């Protein structure tokens, strides 16, 4: 199994989890409220609080399902190959991450010097 297999496994499980979570949110909303799912653009019929509540509920379910699906896919990949996928095993530190870390370190040093200067 290689990098392409991991990508297919990861994307497929994420898409399936997203679809299932969206369907669960829609059905759950209908069962709990007895009304159809609020539509974001229907300003005349839907209350804003219903739209916001449904968005929060569905977002929470989708993100939770995606995280769980990716973890299960990584677990399956590890059991099949004996190691984690390359991107997960390394932590994928990119050049942007390195630059951000250096920038943060410089800003902290500058703030520390400013505090020392003010206190003296």
Protein backbone atom coordinates (compact mmCIF):
# COMPACT_ATOMS: atom_id res chain seq x y z
CA UNK A 1 0.00 0.00 0.00
CA UNK A 2 1.34 3.36 -0.91
CA UNK A 3 0.63 7.04 -0.72
CA UNK A 4 -2.04 6.86 -3.44
CA UNK A 5 -3.85 4.09 -1.57
CA UNK A 6 -3.83 6.15 1.62
CA UNK A 7 -5.23 9.15 -0.21
CA UNK A 8 -8.05 7.10 -1.70
CA UNK A 9 -8.80 5.49 1.65
CA UNK A 10 -8.72 8.83 3.48
CA UNK A 11 -10.80 10.75 0.94
CA UNK A 12 -13.32 7.95 0.51
CA UNK A 13 -13.88 7.50 4.24
CA UNK A 14 -14.14 11.25 4.76
CA UNK A 15 -16.70 11.68 1.99
CA UNK A 16 -18.77 8.74 3.25
CA UNK A 17 -18.66 10.05 6.82
CA UNK A 18 -19.67 13.54 5.69
CA UNK A 19 -22.62 12.18 3.70
CA UNK A 20 -23.81 9.98 6.58
CA UNK A 21 -23.46 12.76 9.15
CA UNK A 22 -25.39 15.21 6.95
CA UNK A 23 -28.17 12.69 6.48
CA UNK A 24 -28.24 11.99 10.23
CA UNK A 25 -28.44 15.71 11.01
CA UNK A 26 -31.32 16.19 8.57
CA UNK A 27 -33.29 13.22 9.87
CA UNK A 28 -32.53 14.18 13.48
CA UNK A 29 -33.77 17.72 12.88
CA UNK A 30 -37.02 16.45 11.36
CA UNK A 31 -37.58 14.04 14.27
CA UNK A 32 -36.75 16.60 16.97
CA UNK A 33 -38.68 19.56 15.56
CA UNK A 34 -41.26 17.99 13.27
CA UNK A 35 -40.31 20.54 10.59
CA UNK A 36 -38.15 20.23 7.49
CA UNK A 37 -34.53 21.31 7.56
CA UNK A 38 -34.25 25.13 7.53
CA UNK A 39 -32.97 26.60 4.30
CA UNK A 40 -30.37 29.32 4.65
CA UNK A 41 -31.84 31.60 1.95
CA UNK A 42 -35.55 31.29 2.88
CA UNK A 43 -35.90 34.51 4.90
CA UNK A 44 -39.68 34.61 4.89
CA UNK A 45 -40.41 31.15 6.34
CA UNK A 46 -37.39 30.20 8.46
CA UNK A 47 -36.37 31.77 11.74
CA UNK A 48 -32.75 32.76 12.09
CA UNK A 49 -32.34 30.79 15.30
CA UNK A 50 -33.49 27.61 13.53
CA UNK A 51 -30.98 28.13 10.73
CA UNK A 52 -28.16 28.76 13.23
CA UNK A 53 -29.16 25.80 15.42
CA UNK A 54 -29.26 23.44 12.44
CA UNK A 55 -25.93 24.74 11.14
CA UNK A 56 -24.33 24.16 14.55
CA UNK A 57 -25.83 20.67 14.87
CA UNK A 58 -24.88 19.54 11.38
CA UNK A 59 -21.37 21.04 11.59
CA UNK A 60 -20.70 19.31 14.88
CA UNK A 61 -21.85 15.96 13.51
CA UNK A 62 -19.90 16.31 10.26
CA UNK A 63 -16.62 17.27 11.93
CA UNK A 64 -16.94 14.49 14.50
CA UNK A 65 -17.71 11.93 11.82
CA UNK A 66 -14.81 13.07 9.64
CA UNK A 67 -12.31 12.85 12.51
CA UNK A 68 -13.59 9.40 13.49
CA UNK A 69 -13.49 8.17 9.88
CA UNK A 70 -9.94 9.38 9.31
CA UNK A 71 -8.76 7.77 12.55
CA UNK A 72 -10.39 4.47 11.60
CA UNK A 73 -8.88 4.68 8.10
CA UNK A 74 -5.42 5.28 9.60
CA UNK A 75 -5.94 2.36 11.99
CA UNK A 76 -6.93 0.10 9.07
CA UNK A 77 -3.91 1.30 7.05
CA UNK A 78 -1.61 0.60 10.01
CA UNK A 79 -3.03 -2.91 10.44
CA UNK A 80 -2.65 -3.61 6.72
CA UNK A 81 0.87 -2.26 6.27
CA UNK A 82 2.41 -2.26 9.75
CA UNK A 83 3.02 1.49 9.77
CA UNK A 84 1.09 4.74 9.63
CA UNK A 85 0.78 6.68 6.37
CA UNK A 86 3.74 8.91 5.64
CA UNK A 87 1.94 12.20 6.28
CA UNK A 88 0.56 11.11 9.63
CA UNK A 89 3.74 9.42 10.85
CA UNK A 90 5.91 12.49 10.25
CA UNK A 91 3.43 15.06 11.37
CA UNK A 92 3.81 16.88 8.02
CA UNK A 93 5.88 19.87 9.11
CA UNK A 94 5.95 22.15 6.11
CA UNK A 95 8.20 25.06 5.26
CA UNK A 96 5.33 27.40 6.15
CA UNK A 97 5.21 25.86 9.63
CA UNK A 98 8.94 26.44 10.06
CA UNK A 99 8.63 30.08 8.94
CA UNK A 100 5.66 30.62 11.25
CA UNK A 101 7.59 29.16 14.19
CA UNK A 102 10.58 31.42 13.51
CA UNK A 103 8.33 34.47 13.18
CA UNK A 104 6.62 33.63 16.47
CA UNK A 105 9.98 33.12 18.19
CA UNK A 106 11.23 36.53 16.94
CA UNK A 107 8.01 38.25 18.08
CA UNK A 108 8.32 36.71 21.55
CA UNK A 109 11.95 37.81 21.83
CA UNK A 110 11.01 41.34 20.73
CA UNK A 111 8.18 41.47 23.28
CA UNK A 112 10.50 40.20 26.00
CA UNK A 113 13.06 42.93 25.19
CA UNK A 114 10.31 45.56 25.23
CA UNK A 115 9.11 44.41 28.66
CA UNK A 116 12.67 44.46 30.02
CA UNK A 117 13.17 47.96 28.58
CA UNK A 118 9.94 49.24 30.18
CA UNK A 119 10.73 47.72 33.55
CA UNK A 120 14.21 49.29 33.73
